[in-house]
Amino acid sequence: MKLETERLILKDISESHVEDILRIRSNEVINQFVVRNSPKNNYDALQFILTIKERTKNNQTVYLGISLKDQPNLIGTICLWNFSEDRKTAEVGYELLPEYHRQGIMSEALKAVLDFGFNELHLDEIVAITNIFNENSKGILLKHDFVLLEGEKDEGFPGNIIFSLKKISGK
């Protein structure tokens, strides 16, 4: 699968992206707000890619690498995952190498994935979970009309807050 925006190509990740995935998922700046087992080497990154490919094949996730149109390397990722049983709700997740922050790149990628989720997958709601201290993530969600779900808890992750964006009727 591939989505294009003015500056970006969002594309399936493959084994050829091992070094990019290692660089993104082991980045200390990105990981300060994410609880996960980061890859330590190319083998770990490859295992992650193979897992994602399997989950994509089984329709458990839509996981796309983000690259600038004039560069083959991935600079981030964005995904829809954690689908509800009726496939009307999904969670969005995203990450971007710090040197590309504050350039509107993630905003552009998020808009494309939200459009895809609502118009192609026919989702009714997309949720996003972020760390309470991740100001960049909170800002991008609010910019795209996500609403903070006051009082909602991310079980087991007390430092996280949950946002929701519902499909606008008639769109």
C-alpha atoms as a PDB file:
ATOM      1  CA  MET A   1       0.000   0.000   0.000  1.00  0.00           C
ATOM      2  CA  LYS A   2       1.145   3.537  -0.669  1.00  0.00           C
ATOM      3  CA  LEU A   3      -0.237   6.971   0.163  1.00  0.00           C
ATOM      4  CA  GLU A   4       1.216  10.174  -1.267  1.00  0.00           C
ATOM      5  CA  THR A   5       1.015  13.723  -0.009  1.00  0.00           C
ATOM      6  CA  GLU A   6       2.579  16.902  -1.295  1.00  0.00           C
ATOM      7  CA  ARG A   7       5.995  16.103   0.208  1.00  0.00           C
ATOM      8  CA  LEU A   8       5.734  12.520   1.435  1.00  0.00           C
ATOM      9  CA  ILE A   9       5.359   8.908   0.439  1.00  0.00           C
ATOM     10  CA  LEU A  10       3.795   6.621   3.045  1.00  0.00           C
ATOM     11  CA  LYS A  11       4.614   3.046   2.113  1.00  0.00           C
ATOM     12  CA  ASP A  12       4.716  -0.505   3.384  1.00  0.00           C
ATOM     13  CA  ILE A  13       7.914  -1.325   5.199  1.00  0.00           C
ATOM     14  CA  SER A  14      10.033  -4.236   4.036  1.00  0.00           C
ATOM     15  CA  GLU A  15      13.245  -6.037   4.872  1.00  0.00           C
ATOM     16  CA  SER A  16      15.123  -3.334   2.946  1.00  0.00           C
ATOM     17  CA  HIS A  17      14.206  -0.855   5.718  1.00  0.00           C
ATOM     18  CA  VAL A  18      16.047  -2.657   8.550  1.00  0.00           C
ATOM     19  CA  GLU A  19      18.540   0.140   9.216  1.00  0.00           C
ATOM     20  CA  ASP A  20      15.847   2.844   9.036  1.00  0.00           C
ATOM     21  CA  ILE A  21      13.609   0.969  11.492  1.00  0.00           C
ATOM     22  CA  LEU A  22      16.561   0.410  13.824  1.00  0.00           C
ATOM     23  CA  ARG A  23      17.406   4.143  13.690  1.00  0.00           C
ATOM     24  CA  ILE A  24      13.791   5.235  14.309  1.00  0.00           C
ATOM     25  CA  ARG A  25      12.755   2.700  16.963  1.00  0.00           C
ATOM     26  CA  SER A  26      15.975   2.972  18.981  1.00  0.00           C
ATOM     27  CA  ASN A  27      16.060   6.793  18.983  1.00  0.00           C
ATOM     28  CA  GLU A  28      16.325   8.117  22.546  1.00  0.00           C
ATOM     29  CA  VAL A  29      14.290  11.267  21.876  1.00  0.00           C
ATOM     30  CA  ILE A  30      11.389   9.269  20.419  1.00  0.00           C
ATOM     31  CA  ASN A  31      11.594   6.634  23.139  1.00  0.00           C
ATOM     32  CA  GLN A  32      11.459   9.038  26.060  1.00  0.00           C
ATOM     33  CA  PHE A  33       7.646   8.952  25.760  1.00  0.00           C
ATOM     34  CA  VAL A  34       7.173   5.346  24.586  1.00  0.00           C
ATOM     35  CA  VAL A  35       7.290   2.134  26.595  1.00  0.00           C
ATOM     36  CA  ARG A  36       8.597  -0.624  24.307  1.00  0.00           C
ATOM     37  CA  ASN A  37      11.419  -3.029  23.683  1.00  0.00           C
ATOM     38  CA  SER A  38      13.603  -1.077  21.289  1.00  0.00           C
ATOM     39  CA  PRO A  39      15.659  -2.972  18.748  1.00  0.00           C
ATOM     40  CA  LYS A  40      19.320  -3.265  19.726  1.00  0.00           C
ATOM     41  CA  ASN A  41      20.601  -4.393  16.325  1.00  0.00           C
ATOM     42  CA  ASN A  42      19.602  -5.181  12.738  1.00  0.00           C
ATOM     43  CA  TYR A  43      18.311  -8.617  13.720  1.00  0.00           C
ATOM     44  CA  ASP A  44      15.868  -7.093  16.234  1.00  0.00           C
ATOM     45  CA  ALA A  45      14.722  -4.559  13.626  1.00  0.00           C
ATOM     46  CA  LEU A  46      14.222  -7.329  11.068  1.00  0.00           C
ATOM     47  CA  GLN A  47      12.139  -9.345  13.543  1.00  0.00           C
ATOM     48  CA  PHE A  48       9.964  -6.267  14.105  1.00  0.00           C
ATOM     49  CA  ILE A  49       9.515  -5.785  10.345  1.00  0.00           C
ATOM     50  CA  LEU A  50       8.562  -9.442   9.858  1.00  0.00           C
ATOM     51  CA  THR A  51       6.020  -9.172  12.690  1.00  0.00           C
ATOM     52  CA  ILE A  52       4.522  -6.019  11.147  1.00  0.00           C
ATOM     53  CA  LYS A  53       4.345  -7.671   7.707  1.00  0.00           C
ATOM     54  CA  GLU A  54       2.469 -10.619   9.212  1.00  0.00           C
ATOM     55  CA  ARG A  55       0.059  -8.329  11.110  1.00  0.00           C
ATOM     56  CA  THR A  56      -0.521  -6.321   7.924  1.00  0.00           C
ATOM     57  CA  LYS A  57      -1.239  -9.481   5.947  1.00  0.00           C
ATOM     58  CA  ASN A  58      -3.770 -10.525   8.626  1.00  0.00           C
ATOM     59  CA  ASN A  59      -5.439  -7.061   8.581  1.00  0.00           C
ATOM     60  CA  GLN A  60      -4.404  -6.407  12.188  1.00  0.00           C
ATOM     61  CA  THR A  61      -2.534  -3.222  11.310  1.00  0.00           C
ATOM     62  CA  VAL A  62      -1.898  -0.653   8.604  1.00  0.00           C
ATOM     63  CA  TYR A  63       1.750   0.219   9.191  1.00  0.00           C
ATOM     64  CA  LEU A  64       3.493   2.662   6.874  1.00  0.00           C
ATOM     65  CA  GLY A  65       6.979   4.054   6.663  1.00  0.00           C
ATOM     66  CA  ILE A  66       7.260   7.794   6.068  1.00  0.00           C
ATOM     67  CA  SER A  67       9.785   9.090   3.541  1.00  0.00           C
ATOM     68  CA  LEU A  68      10.298  12.373   1.776  1.00  0.00           C
ATOM     69  CA  LYS A  69       9.520  12.098  -1.937  1.00  0.00           C
ATOM     70  CA  ASP A  70      13.130  12.817  -2.902  1.00  0.00           C
ATOM     71  CA  GLN A  71      14.663  10.344  -0.402  1.00  0.00           C
ATOM     72  CA  PRO A  72      14.283   6.549  -0.187  1.00  0.00           C
ATOM     73  CA  ASN A  73      15.067   6.345   3.548  1.00  0.00           C
ATOM     74  CA  LEU A  74      12.316   6.195   6.149  1.00  0.00           C
ATOM     75  CA  ILE A  75      12.247   9.131   8.549  1.00  0.00           C
ATOM     76  CA  GLY A  76       9.310   7.900  10.606  1.00  0.00           C
ATOM     77  CA  THR A  77       6.352   5.555  10.767  1.00  0.00           C
ATOM     78  CA  ILE A  78       2.605   5.869  11.177  1.00  0.00           C
ATOM     79  CA  CYS A  79       0.056   3.152  11.770  1.00  0.00           C
ATOM     80  CA  LEU A  80      -3.549   2.272  12.421  1.00  0.00           C
ATOM     81  CA  TRP A  81      -3.814  -0.683  14.761  1.00  0.00           C
ATOM     82  CA  ASN A  82      -5.664  -2.023  17.787  1.00  0.00           C
ATOM     83  CA  PHE A  83      -8.868  -2.283  15.736  1.00  0.00           C
ATOM     84  CA  SER A  84     -12.118  -2.869  17.589  1.00  0.00           C
ATOM     85  CA  GLU A  85     -13.871  -6.173  16.958  1.00  0.00           C
ATOM     86  CA  ASP A  86     -16.402  -4.494  14.647  1.00  0.00           C
ATOM     87  CA  ARG A  87     -13.535  -2.637  12.891  1.00  0.00           C
ATOM     88  CA  LYS A  88     -15.197   0.736  13.466  1.00  0.00           C
ATOM     89  CA  THR A  89     -12.482   2.064  15.797  1.00  0.00           C
ATOM     90  CA  ALA A  90      -8.693   1.976  15.507  1.00  0.00           C
ATOM     91  CA  GLU A  91      -5.760   3.548  17.272  1.00  0.00           C
ATOM     92  CA  VAL A  92      -3.248   5.722  15.431  1.00  0.00           C
ATOM     93  CA  GLY A  93       0.419   5.660  16.338  1.00  0.00           C
ATOM     94  CA  TYR A  94       3.314   7.600  14.880  1.00  0.00           C
ATOM     95  CA  GLU A  95       6.967   8.459  15.338  1.00  0.00           C
ATOM     96  CA  LEU A  96       9.364  10.748  13.519  1.00  0.00           C
ATOM     97  CA  LEU A  97      13.104  11.216  13.765  1.00  0.00           C
ATOM     98  CA  PRO A  98      13.804  14.385  15.799  1.00  0.00           C
ATOM     99  CA  GLU A  99      15.681  16.164  13.007  1.00  0.00           C
ATOM    100  CA  TYR A 100      12.384  16.251  11.076  1.00  0.00           C
ATOM    101  CA  HIS A 101      10.258  17.617  13.925  1.00  0.00           C
ATOM    102  CA  ARG A 102       8.480  20.970  13.622  1.00  0.00           C
ATOM    103  CA  GLN A 103       8.363  20.922   9.805  1.00  0.00           C
ATOM    104  CA  GLY A 104       4.733  19.844   9.394  1.00  0.00           C
ATOM    105  CA  ILE A 105       5.782  16.385   8.208  1.00  0.00           C
ATOM    106  CA  MET A 106       3.856  14.381  10.796  1.00  0.00           C
ATOM    107  CA  SER A 107       0.841  16.631  10.373  1.00  0.00           C
ATOM    108  CA  GLU A 108       0.872  15.893   6.625  1.00  0.00           C
ATOM    109  CA  ALA A 109       1.255  12.147   7.225  1.00  0.00           C
ATOM    110  CA  LEU A 110      -1.450  12.099   9.900  1.00  0.00           C
ATOM    111  CA  LYS A 111      -3.944  13.889   7.640  1.00  0.00           C
ATOM    112  CA  ALA A 112      -3.381  11.272   4.907  1.00  0.00           C
ATOM    113  CA  VAL A 113      -3.815   8.365   7.345  1.00  0.00           C
ATOM    114  CA  LEU A 114      -6.922   9.896   8.943  1.00  0.00           C
ATOM    115  CA  ASP A 115      -8.460  10.352   5.475  1.00  0.00           C
ATOM    116  CA  PHE A 116      -7.587   6.738   4.644  1.00  0.00           C
ATOM    117  CA  GLY A 117      -8.992   5.442   7.935  1.00  0.00           C
ATOM    118  CA  PHE A 118     -12.295   7.260   7.641  1.00  0.00           C
ATOM    119  CA  ASN A 119     -12.836   7.072   3.868  1.00  0.00           C
ATOM    120  CA  GLU A 120     -11.259   3.744   2.872  1.00  0.00           C
ATOM    121  CA  LEU A 121     -11.504   1.657   6.045  1.00  0.00           C
ATOM    122  CA  HIS A 122     -14.828   3.294   7.021  1.00  0.00           C
ATOM    123  CA  LEU A 123     -13.793   3.821  10.634  1.00  0.00           C
ATOM    124  CA  ASP A 124     -16.153   5.777  12.878  1.00  0.00           C
ATOM    125  CA  GLU A 125     -13.500   6.744  15.410  1.00  0.00           C
ATOM    126  CA  ILE A 126      -9.719   6.958  15.604  1.00  0.00           C
ATOM    127  CA  VAL A 127      -8.110   7.171  19.021  1.00  0.00           C
ATOM    128  CA  ALA A 128      -4.596   8.247  19.957  1.00  0.00           C
ATOM    129  CA  ILE A 129      -2.787   7.562  23.194  1.00  0.00           C
ATOM    130  CA  THR A 130       0.158   9.738  24.136  1.00  0.00           C
ATOM    131  CA  ASN A 131       2.258  10.585  27.145  1.00  0.00           C
ATOM    132  CA  ILE A 132       0.951  13.497  29.196  1.00  0.00           C
ATOM    133  CA  PHE A 133       4.330  15.247  28.789  1.00  0.00           C
ATOM    134  CA  ASN A 134       4.625  14.756  25.009  1.00  0.00           C
ATOM    135  CA  GLU A 135       3.768  18.313  23.989  1.00  0.00           C
ATOM    136  CA  ASN A 136       4.515  17.765  20.271  1.00  0.00           C
ATOM    137  CA  SER A 137       2.143  14.813  20.090  1.00  0.00           C
ATOM    138  CA  LYS A 138      -0.613  16.581  22.030  1.00  0.00           C
ATOM    139  CA  GLY A 139      -0.238  19.611  19.750  1.00  0.00           C
ATOM    140  CA  ILE A 140      -0.556  17.624  16.523  1.00  0.00           C
ATOM    141  CA  LEU A 141      -3.625  15.785  17.827  1.00  0.00           C
ATOM    142  CA  LEU A 142      -5.365  19.012  18.832  1.00  0.00           C
ATOM    143  CA  LYS A 143      -4.442  20.582  15.470  1.00  0.00           C
ATOM    144  CA  HIS A 144      -6.269  17.697  13.762  1.00  0.00           C
ATOM    145  CA  ASP A 145      -9.389  18.134  15.943  1.00  0.00           C
ATOM    146  CA  PHE A 146      -8.806  15.218  18.304  1.00  0.00           C
ATOM    147  CA  VAL A 147     -10.542  15.685  21.645  1.00  0.00           C
ATOM    148  CA  LEU A 148      -8.979  14.760  24.975  1.00  0.00           C
ATOM    149  CA  LEU A 149     -11.089  12.092  26.690  1.00  0.00           C
ATOM    150  CA  GLU A 150     -11.051  13.457  30.231  1.00  0.00           C
ATOM    151  CA  GLY A 151     -11.017  10.700  32.802  1.00  0.00           C
ATOM    152  CA  GLU A 152     -10.266   7.888  30.316  1.00  0.00           C
ATOM    153  CA  LYS A 153      -7.339   5.748  31.439  1.00  0.00           C
ATOM    154  CA  ASP A 154      -4.769   3.766  29.478  1.00  0.00           C
ATOM    155  CA  GLU A 155      -4.727   0.607  31.636  1.00  0.00           C
ATOM    156  CA  GLY A 156      -1.278   0.031  33.077  1.00  0.00           C
ATOM    157  CA  PHE A 157       0.133   3.311  31.735  1.00  0.00           C
ATOM    158  CA  PRO A 158      -0.858   6.087  34.166  1.00  0.00           C
ATOM    159  CA  GLY A 159       1.332   8.654  32.372  1.00  0.00           C
ATOM    160  CA  ASN A 160      -0.716   8.401  29.180  1.00  0.00           C
ATOM    161  CA  ILE A 161      -3.747  10.368  28.040  1.00  0.00           C
ATOM    162  CA  ILE A 162      -6.294   9.353  25.403  1.00  0.00           C
ATOM    163  CA  PHE A 163      -7.606  11.446  22.530  1.00  0.00           C
ATOM    164  CA  SER A 164     -10.430  10.657  20.111  1.00  0.00           C
ATOM    165  CA  LEU A 165     -11.479  11.821  16.668  1.00  0.00           C
ATOM    166  CA  LYS A 166     -14.895  10.781  15.411  1.00  0.00           C
ATOM    167  CA  LYS A 167     -15.884  10.698  11.776  1.00  0.00           C
ATOM    168  CA  ILE A 168     -17.915  13.724  10.823  1.00  0.00           C
ATOM    169  CA  SER A 169     -21.325  12.641   9.542  1.00  0.00           C
ATOM    170  CA  GLY A 170     -21.838  13.189   5.868  1.00  0.00           C
ATOM    171  CA  LYS A 171     -18.128  13.028   5.036  1.00  0.00           C
END
